[in-house]
């Protein structure tokens, strides 16, 4: 992989990791707020408990996928993990908006953001081989 592609991929992976770290922290602390902003619905206690579990998962994913500065780079497993996560969560959020008619103010921006990050990761993976 040339240095320009490595730099771009490192930036995308770092950005995505930081977003997931932040989202995970907010989900752990205030899951009802995230659900309200994302889906436009109120939650019950069980949903808040599951939201916190999801927050912990996102926090772990974000930490696992931060590029390792000591080795100068990108662990392909981290790129694959972020690609899978961003692609699948974009599709799921779009499904929730299109077919289950959720309408939170952050639903479509989140779906688009994840789709773009997934597309950038995929593009860099495809052109690096």
N, C-alpha and C. Protein backbone atom coordinates (compact mmCIF):
# COMPACT_ATOMS: atom_id res chain seq x y z
N UNK A 1 0.87 -1.17 0.00
CA UNK A 1 0.00 0.00 0.00
C UNK A 1 0.91 1.23 0.00
N UNK A 2 0.62 2.16 -0.90
CA UNK A 2 1.46 3.35 -0.93
C UNK A 2 1.14 4.27 0.26
N UNK A 3 2.03 5.21 0.50
CA UNK A 3 1.92 6.07 1.69
C UNK A 3 0.66 6.93 1.68
N UNK A 4 0.24 7.44 0.52
CA UNK A 4 -0.96 8.27 0.44
C UNK A 4 -2.21 7.47 0.82
N UNK A 5 -2.31 6.25 0.30
CA UNK A 5 -3.46 5.40 0.62
C UNK A 5 -3.45 5.01 2.10
N UNK A 6 -2.27 4.70 2.61
CA UNK A 6 -2.14 4.35 4.03
C UNK A 6 -2.57 5.53 4.90
N UNK A 7 -2.17 6.72 4.52
CA UNK A 7 -2.53 7.92 5.28
C UNK A 7 -4.04 8.16 5.26
N UNK A 8 -4.65 8.02 4.08
CA UNK A 8 -6.10 8.20 3.96
C UNK A 8 -6.85 7.15 4.78
N UNK A 9 -6.44 5.91 4.65
CA UNK A 9 -7.10 4.84 5.39
C UNK A 9 -6.94 5.03 6.89
N UNK A 10 -5.77 5.46 7.33
CA UNK A 10 -5.54 5.72 8.75
C UNK A 10 -6.47 6.83 9.24
N UNK A 11 -6.64 7.87 8.45
CA UNK A 11 -7.53 8.98 8.83
C UNK A 11 -8.99 8.52 8.93
N UNK A 12 -9.44 7.74 7.94
CA UNK A 12 -10.83 7.25 7.96
C UNK A 12 -11.05 6.33 9.16
N UNK A 13 -10.09 5.44 9.39
CA UNK A 13 -10.21 4.51 10.51
C UNK A 13 -10.18 5.25 11.85
N UNK A 14 -9.32 6.25 11.97
CA UNK A 14 -9.25 7.05 13.20
C UNK A 14 -10.56 7.80 13.42
N UNK A 15 -11.08 8.44 12.37
CA UNK A 15 -12.34 9.18 12.47
C UNK A 15 -13.47 8.25 12.92
N UNK A 16 -13.59 7.11 12.25
CA UNK A 16 -14.65 6.17 12.57
C UNK A 16 -14.51 5.66 14.00
N UNK A 17 -13.30 5.37 14.42
CA UNK A 17 -13.06 4.89 15.78
C UNK A 17 -13.47 5.93 16.81
N UNK A 18 -13.12 7.19 16.56
CA UNK A 18 -13.46 8.26 17.51
C UNK A 18 -14.97 8.46 17.59
N UNK A 19 -15.65 8.40 16.43
CA UNK A 19 -17.11 8.53 16.42
C UNK A 19 -17.74 7.40 17.24
N UNK A 20 -17.26 6.17 17.05
CA UNK A 20 -17.84 5.05 17.79
C UNK A 20 -17.50 5.13 19.27
N UNK A 21 -16.32 5.59 19.61
CA UNK A 21 -15.99 5.80 21.03
C UNK A 21 -16.94 6.80 21.67
N UNK A 22 -17.16 7.92 20.99
CA UNK A 22 -18.07 8.94 21.51
C UNK A 22 -19.50 8.45 21.63
N UNK A 23 -19.97 7.78 20.59
CA UNK A 23 -21.33 7.25 20.61
C UNK A 23 -21.48 6.21 21.72
N UNK A 24 -20.47 5.36 21.86
CA UNK A 24 -20.51 4.35 22.92
C UNK A 24 -20.58 4.98 24.30
N UNK A 25 -19.79 6.02 24.52
CA UNK A 25 -19.82 6.69 25.82
C UNK A 25 -21.18 7.32 26.10
N UNK A 26 -21.74 8.01 25.10
CA UNK A 26 -23.05 8.64 25.29
C UNK A 26 -24.13 7.59 25.51
N UNK A 27 -24.06 6.48 24.76
CA UNK A 27 -25.04 5.40 24.96
C UNK A 27 -24.93 4.82 26.37
N UNK A 28 -23.72 4.71 26.88
CA UNK A 28 -23.54 4.18 28.24
C UNK A 28 -24.12 5.13 29.27
N UNK A 29 -23.97 6.43 29.05
CA UNK A 29 -24.40 7.42 30.03
C UNK A 29 -25.85 7.86 29.87
N UNK A 30 -26.32 7.96 28.63
CA UNK A 30 -27.68 8.47 28.39
C UNK A 30 -28.32 7.76 27.20
N UNK A 31 -28.60 6.46 27.34
CA UNK A 31 -29.15 5.72 26.20
C UNK A 31 -30.49 6.27 25.71
N UNK A 32 -31.32 6.76 26.60
CA UNK A 32 -32.62 7.29 26.18
C UNK A 32 -32.46 8.50 25.26
N UNK A 33 -31.48 9.33 25.53
CA UNK A 33 -31.23 10.50 24.70
C UNK A 33 -30.81 10.08 23.29
N UNK A 34 -29.92 9.12 23.19
CA UNK A 34 -29.46 8.65 21.88
C UNK A 34 -30.61 8.04 21.11
N UNK A 35 -31.41 7.21 21.76
CA UNK A 35 -32.55 6.58 21.08
C UNK A 35 -33.54 7.63 20.62
N UNK A 36 -33.80 8.64 21.45
CA UNK A 36 -34.74 9.71 21.08
C UNK A 36 -34.22 10.48 19.87
N UNK A 37 -32.92 10.83 19.87
CA UNK A 37 -32.35 11.58 18.76
C UNK A 37 -32.23 10.74 17.49
N UNK A 38 -31.93 9.47 17.65
CA UNK A 38 -31.71 8.60 16.50
C UNK A 38 -33.02 8.09 15.90
N UNK A 39 -33.91 7.61 16.74
CA UNK A 39 -35.14 6.97 16.26
C UNK A 39 -36.40 7.78 16.48
N UNK A 40 -36.33 8.80 17.34
CA UNK A 40 -37.49 9.64 17.58
C UNK A 40 -38.54 8.99 18.47
N UNK A 41 -38.14 8.03 19.29
CA UNK A 41 -39.08 7.36 20.18
C UNK A 41 -38.54 7.38 21.61
N UNK A 42 -39.45 7.22 22.56
CA UNK A 42 -39.06 7.11 23.95
C UNK A 42 -38.70 5.65 24.25
N UNK A 43 -37.93 5.46 25.32
CA UNK A 43 -37.50 4.11 25.68
C UNK A 43 -38.08 3.69 27.01
N UNK A 44 -38.08 2.39 27.22
CA UNK A 44 -38.42 1.87 28.54
C UNK A 44 -37.11 1.43 29.21
N UNK A 45 -37.21 0.90 30.39
CA UNK A 45 -36.03 0.52 31.16
C UNK A 45 -35.21 -0.56 30.45
N UNK A 46 -35.89 -1.53 29.86
CA UNK A 46 -35.19 -2.62 29.17
C UNK A 46 -34.39 -2.08 27.98
N UNK A 47 -34.99 -1.18 27.23
CA UNK A 47 -34.29 -0.58 26.09
C UNK A 47 -33.06 0.20 26.55
N UNK A 48 -33.17 0.86 27.69
CA UNK A 48 -32.02 1.59 28.21
C UNK A 48 -30.91 0.63 28.62
N UNK A 49 -31.26 -0.49 29.21
CA UNK A 49 -30.26 -1.49 29.57
C UNK A 49 -29.55 -2.03 28.32
N UNK A 50 -30.33 -2.34 27.30
CA UNK A 50 -29.74 -2.83 26.05
C UNK A 50 -28.93 -1.74 25.35
N UNK A 51 -29.40 -0.51 25.44
CA UNK A 51 -28.66 0.61 24.87
C UNK A 51 -27.29 0.74 25.50
N UNK A 52 -27.22 0.55 26.80
CA UNK A 52 -25.92 0.60 27.48
C UNK A 52 -25.02 -0.55 27.04
N UNK A 53 -25.60 -1.73 26.84
CA UNK A 53 -24.81 -2.86 26.33
C UNK A 53 -24.26 -2.54 24.94
N UNK A 54 -25.09 -1.95 24.11
CA UNK A 54 -24.67 -1.55 22.77
C UNK A 54 -23.57 -0.48 22.87
N UNK A 55 -23.71 0.43 23.82
CA UNK A 55 -22.69 1.45 24.04
C UNK A 55 -21.35 0.85 24.40
N UNK A 56 -21.38 -0.14 25.26
CA UNK A 56 -20.14 -0.83 25.64
C UNK A 56 -19.51 -1.50 24.42
N UNK A 57 -20.35 -2.10 23.59
CA UNK A 57 -19.85 -2.75 22.36
C UNK A 57 -19.20 -1.73 21.42
N UNK A 58 -19.84 -0.59 21.25
CA UNK A 58 -19.27 0.44 20.38
C UNK A 58 -17.96 0.98 20.95
N UNK A 59 -17.93 1.15 22.25
CA UNK A 59 -16.71 1.62 22.89
C UNK A 59 -15.57 0.63 22.64
N UNK A 60 -15.85 -0.65 22.81
CA UNK A 60 -14.83 -1.67 22.57
C UNK A 60 -14.40 -1.70 21.11
N UNK A 61 -15.37 -1.59 20.19
CA UNK A 61 -15.05 -1.57 18.77
C UNK A 61 -14.16 -0.37 18.43
N UNK A 62 -14.53 0.78 18.95
CA UNK A 62 -13.73 1.98 18.69
C UNK A 62 -12.31 1.85 19.21
N UNK A 63 -12.17 1.31 20.42
CA UNK A 63 -10.83 1.12 20.98
C UNK A 63 -10.03 0.10 20.18
N UNK A 64 -10.68 -0.99 19.79
CA UNK A 64 -9.98 -2.04 19.05
C UNK A 64 -9.53 -1.57 17.68
N UNK A 65 -10.22 -0.63 17.10
CA UNK A 65 -9.94 -0.23 15.73
C UNK A 65 -9.12 1.03 15.60
N UNK A 66 -8.73 1.65 16.70
CA UNK A 66 -7.83 2.80 16.59
C UNK A 66 -6.52 2.33 15.97
N UNK A 67 -6.03 3.04 14.97
CA UNK A 67 -4.76 2.63 14.36
C UNK A 67 -3.62 2.65 15.38
N UNK A 68 -2.73 1.70 15.24
CA UNK A 68 -1.57 1.59 16.11
C UNK A 68 -0.47 2.50 15.59
N UNK A 69 -0.18 3.54 16.33
CA UNK A 69 0.82 4.51 15.88
C UNK A 69 2.24 3.95 15.95
N UNK A 70 2.50 3.01 16.84
CA UNK A 70 3.84 2.47 16.97
C UNK A 70 4.26 1.66 15.75
N UNK A 71 3.35 0.87 15.21
CA UNK A 71 3.70 0.08 14.03
C UNK A 71 3.45 0.87 12.76
N UNK A 72 2.97 2.11 12.93
CA UNK A 72 2.74 2.97 11.78
C UNK A 72 1.52 2.58 11.00
N UNK A 73 0.69 1.79 11.63
CA UNK A 73 -0.34 1.53 10.72
C UNK A 73 -1.60 0.89 11.10
N UNK A 74 -2.07 0.28 10.10
CA UNK A 74 -3.43 -0.18 10.08
C UNK A 74 -3.42 -1.69 10.16
N UNK A 75 -4.15 -2.18 11.10
CA UNK A 75 -4.30 -3.62 11.21
C UNK A 75 -5.48 -4.00 10.33
N UNK A 76 -5.25 -4.91 9.41
CA UNK A 76 -6.31 -5.25 8.47
C UNK A 76 -7.56 -5.76 9.17
N UNK A 77 -7.41 -6.42 10.31
CA UNK A 77 -8.59 -6.88 11.05
C UNK A 77 -9.42 -5.70 11.52
N UNK A 78 -8.77 -4.62 11.92
CA UNK A 78 -9.50 -3.42 12.35
C UNK A 78 -10.26 -2.81 11.18
N UNK A 79 -9.63 -2.77 10.02
CA UNK A 79 -10.30 -2.22 8.84
C UNK A 79 -11.50 -3.09 8.48
N UNK A 80 -11.33 -4.41 8.49
CA UNK A 80 -12.45 -5.30 8.19
C UNK A 80 -13.58 -5.13 9.21
N UNK A 81 -13.23 -4.99 10.49
CA UNK A 81 -14.24 -4.83 11.53
C UNK A 81 -15.02 -3.54 11.33
N UNK A 82 -14.32 -2.44 11.08
CA UNK A 82 -15.00 -1.16 10.86
C UNK A 82 -15.81 -1.16 9.57
N UNK A 83 -15.30 -1.83 8.54
CA UNK A 83 -16.05 -1.94 7.29
C UNK A 83 -17.35 -2.69 7.52
N UNK A 84 -17.27 -3.83 8.19
CA UNK A 84 -18.47 -4.62 8.46
C UNK A 84 -19.46 -3.83 9.32
N UNK A 85 -18.96 -3.22 10.38
CA UNK A 85 -19.84 -2.47 11.27
C UNK A 85 -20.51 -1.32 10.54
N UNK A 86 -19.73 -0.48 9.86
CA UNK A 86 -20.29 0.70 9.21
C UNK A 86 -21.28 0.32 8.11
N UNK A 87 -20.97 -0.70 7.34
CA UNK A 87 -21.87 -1.13 6.27
C UNK A 87 -23.18 -1.69 6.83
N UNK A 88 -23.06 -2.55 7.83
CA UNK A 88 -24.26 -3.17 8.40
C UNK A 88 -25.11 -2.18 9.17
N UNK A 89 -24.49 -1.28 9.94
CA UNK A 89 -25.30 -0.33 10.71
C UNK A 89 -25.95 0.68 9.77
N UNK A 90 -25.29 1.06 8.68
CA UNK A 90 -25.92 1.95 7.69
C UNK A 90 -27.15 1.30 7.10
N UNK A 91 -27.03 0.03 6.72
CA UNK A 91 -28.17 -0.68 6.14
C UNK A 91 -29.30 -0.82 7.15
N UNK A 92 -28.96 -1.12 8.40
CA UNK A 92 -29.99 -1.29 9.43
C UNK A 92 -30.70 0.03 9.72
N UNK A 93 -29.95 1.11 9.86
CA UNK A 93 -30.57 2.41 10.12
C UNK A 93 -31.46 2.83 8.96
N UNK A 94 -31.00 2.60 7.73
CA UNK A 94 -31.82 2.92 6.56
C UNK A 94 -33.09 2.08 6.55
N UNK A 95 -32.98 0.81 6.91
CA UNK A 95 -34.15 -0.06 7.00
C UNK A 95 -35.14 0.49 8.04
N UNK A 96 -34.63 0.88 9.21
CA UNK A 96 -35.51 1.42 10.26
C UNK A 96 -36.25 2.66 9.77
N UNK A 97 -35.55 3.51 9.03
CA UNK A 97 -36.20 4.72 8.52
C UNK A 97 -37.17 4.46 7.40
N UNK A 98 -36.80 3.58 6.49
CA UNK A 98 -37.61 3.35 5.30
C UNK A 98 -38.79 2.42 5.54
N UNK A 99 -38.59 1.38 6.34
CA UNK A 99 -39.63 0.35 6.46
C UNK A 99 -40.33 0.33 7.83
N UNK A 100 -39.63 0.71 8.88
CA UNK A 100 -40.27 0.76 10.21
C UNK A 100 -40.70 2.18 10.57
N UNK A 101 -40.41 3.13 9.68
CA UNK A 101 -40.87 4.51 9.78
C UNK A 101 -40.44 5.23 11.05
N UNK A 102 -39.23 4.92 11.52
CA UNK A 102 -38.66 5.74 12.59
C UNK A 102 -38.22 7.05 11.97
N UNK A 103 -38.24 8.12 12.79
CA UNK A 103 -37.96 9.43 12.20
C UNK A 103 -37.16 10.36 13.11
N UNK A 104 -36.23 9.79 13.86
CA UNK A 104 -35.39 10.64 14.70
C UNK A 104 -34.56 11.59 13.85
N UNK A 105 -34.26 12.73 14.40
CA UNK A 105 -33.54 13.77 13.67
C UNK A 105 -32.15 13.31 13.22
N UNK A 106 -31.54 12.37 13.91
CA UNK A 106 -30.21 11.90 13.54
C UNK A 106 -30.20 10.60 12.75
N UNK A 107 -31.38 10.02 12.48
CA UNK A 107 -31.43 8.72 11.82
C UNK A 107 -30.77 8.75 10.45
N UNK A 108 -31.23 9.61 9.55
CA UNK A 108 -30.69 9.61 8.19
C UNK A 108 -29.27 10.16 8.13
N UNK A 109 -28.94 11.20 8.90
CA UNK A 109 -27.53 11.61 8.90
C UNK A 109 -26.60 10.49 9.38
N UNK A 110 -27.02 9.73 10.37
CA UNK A 110 -26.20 8.63 10.87
C UNK A 110 -26.07 7.54 9.81
N UNK A 111 -27.17 7.22 9.14
CA UNK A 111 -27.13 6.19 8.09
C UNK A 111 -26.18 6.61 6.97
N UNK A 112 -26.27 7.86 6.56
CA UNK A 112 -25.41 8.36 5.49
C UNK A 112 -23.95 8.39 5.93
N UNK A 113 -23.69 8.86 7.14
CA UNK A 113 -22.32 8.91 7.65
C UNK A 113 -21.70 7.51 7.66
N UNK A 114 -22.41 6.54 8.17
CA UNK A 114 -21.89 5.17 8.21
C UNK A 114 -21.70 4.61 6.81
N UNK A 115 -22.61 4.90 5.90
CA UNK A 115 -22.46 4.43 4.52
C UNK A 115 -21.22 5.05 3.87
N UNK A 116 -21.00 6.33 4.11
CA UNK A 116 -19.82 6.98 3.54
C UNK A 116 -18.53 6.42 4.11
N UNK A 117 -18.48 6.24 5.42
CA UNK A 117 -17.27 5.67 6.03
C UNK A 117 -17.03 4.26 5.49
N UNK A 118 -18.09 3.46 5.40
CA UNK A 118 -17.96 2.12 4.85
C UNK A 118 -17.47 2.15 3.41
N UNK A 119 -18.00 3.06 2.61
CA UNK A 119 -17.58 3.17 1.21
C UNK A 119 -16.11 3.59 1.12
N UNK A 120 -15.68 4.51 1.98
CA UNK A 120 -14.28 4.93 1.95
C UNK A 120 -13.35 3.80 2.37
N UNK A 121 -13.74 3.05 3.38
CA UNK A 121 -12.93 1.91 3.80
C UNK A 121 -12.85 0.85 2.69
N UNK A 122 -13.99 0.56 2.08
CA UNK A 122 -14.03 -0.43 1.00
C UNK A 122 -13.18 0.03 -0.18
N UNK A 123 -13.32 1.28 -0.54
CA UNK A 123 -12.54 1.83 -1.68
C UNK A 123 -11.06 1.70 -1.41
N UNK A 124 -10.63 2.05 -0.20
CA UNK A 124 -9.22 1.96 0.12
C UNK A 124 -8.74 0.52 0.16
N UNK A 125 -9.58 -0.39 0.64
CA UNK A 125 -9.20 -1.81 0.66
C UNK A 125 -9.06 -2.34 -0.76
N UNK A 126 -9.98 -1.96 -1.62
CA UNK A 126 -9.98 -2.48 -3.01
C UNK A 126 -8.79 -1.94 -3.79
N UNK A 127 -8.42 -0.69 -3.56
CA UNK A 127 -7.34 -0.09 -4.34
C UNK A 127 -5.97 -0.40 -3.74
N UNK A 128 -5.93 -0.96 -2.53
CA UNK A 128 -4.64 -1.25 -1.91
C UNK A 128 -4.10 -2.61 -2.31
N UNK A 129 -4.94 -3.43 -2.89
CA UNK A 129 -4.49 -4.78 -3.27
C UNK A 129 -3.90 -4.82 -4.65
